[in-house]
Amino acid sequence: LWSDIPNNRILRWSASAGMSVWREQVEFTNGHVLDNEGNLLHCSHGLRAIVRTPQVQGIVRADTIDEVVVREFNGRRLNSPNDVVVQGNGCIWFTDPPYGILSDREGYKAPRELPANHVFCYDPADGALHAASDFVQEPNGLAFSPDERLLYVSDTSAALSADGTGNHHIVVFDVNGHSLENPRVFADISPGLPDGFRVDHCGWIYTSSGDSVQIFHPDGTLLGKILVPEKVGNLTFGGVRGDTLFITASTSLYSIVLNTHGVVRP
């Protein structure tokens, strides 16, 4: 599944049926992830919330009614949740930049209620939402290292900059409970921006950019690129063995089989 945000729909691809529309009129959802119980979580620009499609007998169906997981922080509406990951302990981490409230193209234009753009951590054990960090100017994609001691977060603040300023890098944090500490720039991404990205089981980072999927060693060294004929927006590991990298680009879905696989969560 992946989002077609301007057209307000979620698309689906399978080896047997190819591409189809999974849902329409989806409140401009952006990122998705399965939680540890097999429910599907969505970042909703339109609702300014994290919502959940519950699984029924192990299957997530398009006609299942969604539930709102979290939509406010300290009594104020979230900006527009963008991307989401789930920790092994069940905590839900997501980024909250303003992209979905800036215009009616990818959400509903509205004033912001929070003074900053946060990375949030929602703990379903007690229902508390924690502001993990507001260090990243405009947080976008995020992913854990295999041992979950590190969280990588992309900063795409250059996307809305009229004069070429703003950031196009990935920041890495140490994870401490519900907080993020010791931020440092992991890698600058050029051309383009580091929107969505993933980490494989070795800890290598595969990030979107303007011309390719760029691959980085955990020490920040650029190892190589998978060239793509369109601007890359997001990517994920999938397939039967988890070794197929699916890549969403400007108008197309691409895939490539690699000699590695994504992180398998407990």
Foldseek 3Di string as FASTA:
>chain_A
DFDPQLQAFGWDADPVPGIDTQGHNNQLWHAWDAFPVRWIWTFHLALLFIKIQDADPNHRHSPGDIGTLDADDPPFGFQTWAYWDAALLRKIKTWTFNVSQCPPRRYHPDDHDDPATFTWIADPVVRDIGRQDRPARHWAAWEAFLVRQKIKTWHQQLVPDPVRDGAAFIWMFGDDPGHTDDIDTLEGAPDAHFHYWAAFNQGWIFTFGQFFTWIADSNNDTPDTHGDPFGWHYWAFDDPVQQKIWTDGDPDIDIDGDPTHHRDRD
